[in-house]
Amino acid sequence: MVRLELTDTEAVDLKEILTYYLSELRMEIADTDSMDFRENLKRREVFLKDLIGQLPIGSVEREAENSER
């Protein structure tokens, strides 16, 4: 098992990056004609959703925004 330690700011940044990529991935899934490739992309989508769900939300994001001000 791999563990990754991130600062609060890094976790917020990573979540934003993954969320953006997830949006792009959904468009790719919709535009893909190959069923095999589409299934692979859908597996990646599930993985990304799970990963995003494991990242902190709420107060951590607000604290990071406040510290930048």
C-alpha atoms as a PDB file:
ATOM      1  CA  MET A   1       0.000   0.000   0.000  1.00  0.00           C
ATOM      2  CA  VAL A   2       1.293   3.450  -0.877  1.00  0.00           C
ATOM      3  CA  ARG A   3       0.648   6.348   1.467  1.00  0.00           C
ATOM      4  CA  LEU A   4       0.947   9.955   0.420  1.00  0.00           C
ATOM      5  CA  GLU A   5       1.223  12.818   2.870  1.00  0.00           C
ATOM      6  CA  LEU A   6       0.094  16.216   1.646  1.00  0.00           C
ATOM      7  CA  THR A   7      -0.212  19.610   3.233  1.00  0.00           C
ATOM      8  CA  ASP A   8      -3.719  21.032   3.363  1.00  0.00           C
ATOM      9  CA  THR A   9      -2.937  23.310   0.439  1.00  0.00           C
ATOM     10  CA  GLU A  10      -1.511  20.445  -1.609  1.00  0.00           C
ATOM     11  CA  ALA A  11      -4.612  18.344  -0.911  1.00  0.00           C
ATOM     12  CA  VAL A  12      -6.861  21.160  -2.098  1.00  0.00           C
ATOM     13  CA  ASP A  13      -4.745  21.677  -5.215  1.00  0.00           C
ATOM     14  CA  LEU A  14      -4.709  17.953  -5.979  1.00  0.00           C
ATOM     15  CA  LYS A  15      -8.477  17.752  -5.583  1.00  0.00           C
ATOM     16  CA  GLU A  16      -8.938  20.649  -8.016  1.00  0.00           C
ATOM     17  CA  ILE A  17      -6.606  19.041 -10.555  1.00  0.00           C
ATOM     18  CA  LEU A  18      -8.304  15.644 -10.323  1.00  0.00           C
ATOM     19  CA  THR A  19     -11.769  17.205 -10.542  1.00  0.00           C
ATOM     20  CA  TYR A  20     -10.742  19.072 -13.698  1.00  0.00           C
ATOM     21  CA  TYR A  21      -9.297  15.888 -15.189  1.00  0.00           C
ATOM     22  CA  LEU A  22     -12.467  13.986 -14.300  1.00  0.00           C
ATOM     23  CA  SER A  23     -14.512  16.505 -16.270  1.00  0.00           C
ATOM     24  CA  GLU A  24     -12.220  16.094 -19.277  1.00  0.00           C
ATOM     25  CA  LEU A  25     -12.367  12.316 -18.916  1.00  0.00           C
ATOM     26  CA  ARG A  26     -16.173  12.361 -19.016  1.00  0.00           C
ATOM     27  CA  MET A  27     -16.062  14.244 -22.314  1.00  0.00           C
ATOM     28  CA  GLU A  28     -13.575  11.695 -23.676  1.00  0.00           C
ATOM     29  CA  ILE A  29     -15.864   8.845 -22.613  1.00  0.00           C
ATOM     30  CA  ALA A  30     -18.780  10.459 -24.420  1.00  0.00           C
ATOM     31  CA  ASP A  31     -16.739  10.968 -27.611  1.00  0.00           C
ATOM     32  CA  THR A  32     -15.146   7.511 -27.725  1.00  0.00           C
ATOM     33  CA  ASP A  33     -16.427   5.021 -30.291  1.00  0.00           C
ATOM     34  CA  SER A  34     -14.396   1.999 -29.147  1.00  0.00           C
ATOM     35  CA  MET A  35     -16.300   0.045 -26.506  1.00  0.00           C
ATOM     36  CA  ASP A  36     -13.115  -1.480 -25.047  1.00  0.00           C
ATOM     37  CA  PHE A  37     -11.467   1.909 -24.723  1.00  0.00           C
ATOM     38  CA  ARG A  38     -14.669   3.375 -23.246  1.00  0.00           C
ATOM     39  CA  GLU A  39     -14.778   0.647 -20.587  1.00  0.00           C
ATOM     40  CA  ASN A  40     -11.168   1.381 -19.640  1.00  0.00           C
ATOM     41  CA  LEU A  41     -11.981   5.079 -19.353  1.00  0.00           C
ATOM     42  CA  LYS A  42     -15.017   4.285 -17.191  1.00  0.00           C
ATOM     43  CA  ARG A  43     -12.830   2.246 -14.826  1.00  0.00           C
ATOM     44  CA  ARG A  44     -10.489   5.223 -14.590  1.00  0.00           C
ATOM     45  CA  GLU A  45     -13.489   7.465 -13.873  1.00  0.00           C
ATOM     46  CA  VAL A  46     -14.553   5.243 -10.962  1.00  0.00           C
ATOM     47  CA  PHE A  47     -10.996   5.280  -9.609  1.00  0.00           C
ATOM     48  CA  LEU A  48     -10.805   9.086  -9.830  1.00  0.00           C
ATOM     49  CA  LYS A  49     -14.159   9.547  -8.099  1.00  0.00           C
ATOM     50  CA  ASP A  50     -12.986   7.308  -5.272  1.00  0.00           C
ATOM     51  CA  LEU A  51      -9.672   9.122  -4.987  1.00  0.00           C
ATOM     52  CA  ILE A  52     -11.338  12.545  -4.985  1.00  0.00           C
ATOM     53  CA  GLY A  53     -13.721  11.299  -2.308  1.00  0.00           C
ATOM     54  CA  GLN A  54     -10.772  10.408  -0.069  1.00  0.00           C
ATOM     55  CA  LEU A  55      -9.350  13.919  -0.154  1.00  0.00           C
ATOM     56  CA  PRO A  56     -10.367  16.320   2.627  1.00  0.00           C
ATOM     57  CA  ILE A  57     -13.225  18.698   2.018  1.00  0.00           C
ATOM     58  CA  GLY A  58     -14.938  21.549   3.802  1.00  0.00           C
ATOM     59  CA  SER A  59     -12.924  23.202   6.544  1.00  0.00           C
ATOM     60  CA  VAL A  60      -9.569  22.197   5.042  1.00  0.00           C
ATOM     61  CA  GLU A  61     -10.410  23.995   1.794  1.00  0.00           C
ATOM     62  CA  ARG A  62     -11.648  27.057   3.660  1.00  0.00           C
ATOM     63  CA  GLU A  63      -8.539  27.118   5.861  1.00  0.00           C
ATOM     64  CA  ALA A  64      -6.291  26.933   2.804  1.00  0.00           C
ATOM     65  CA  GLU A  65      -8.148  29.778   1.105  1.00  0.00           C
ATOM     66  CA  ASN A  66      -7.973  31.906   4.246  1.00  0.00           C
ATOM     67  CA  SER A  67      -4.239  31.323   4.692  1.00  0.00           C
ATOM     68  CA  GLU A  68      -3.588  32.605   1.169  1.00  0.00           C
ATOM     69  CA  ARG A  69      -5.292  35.917   1.893  1.00  0.00           C
END
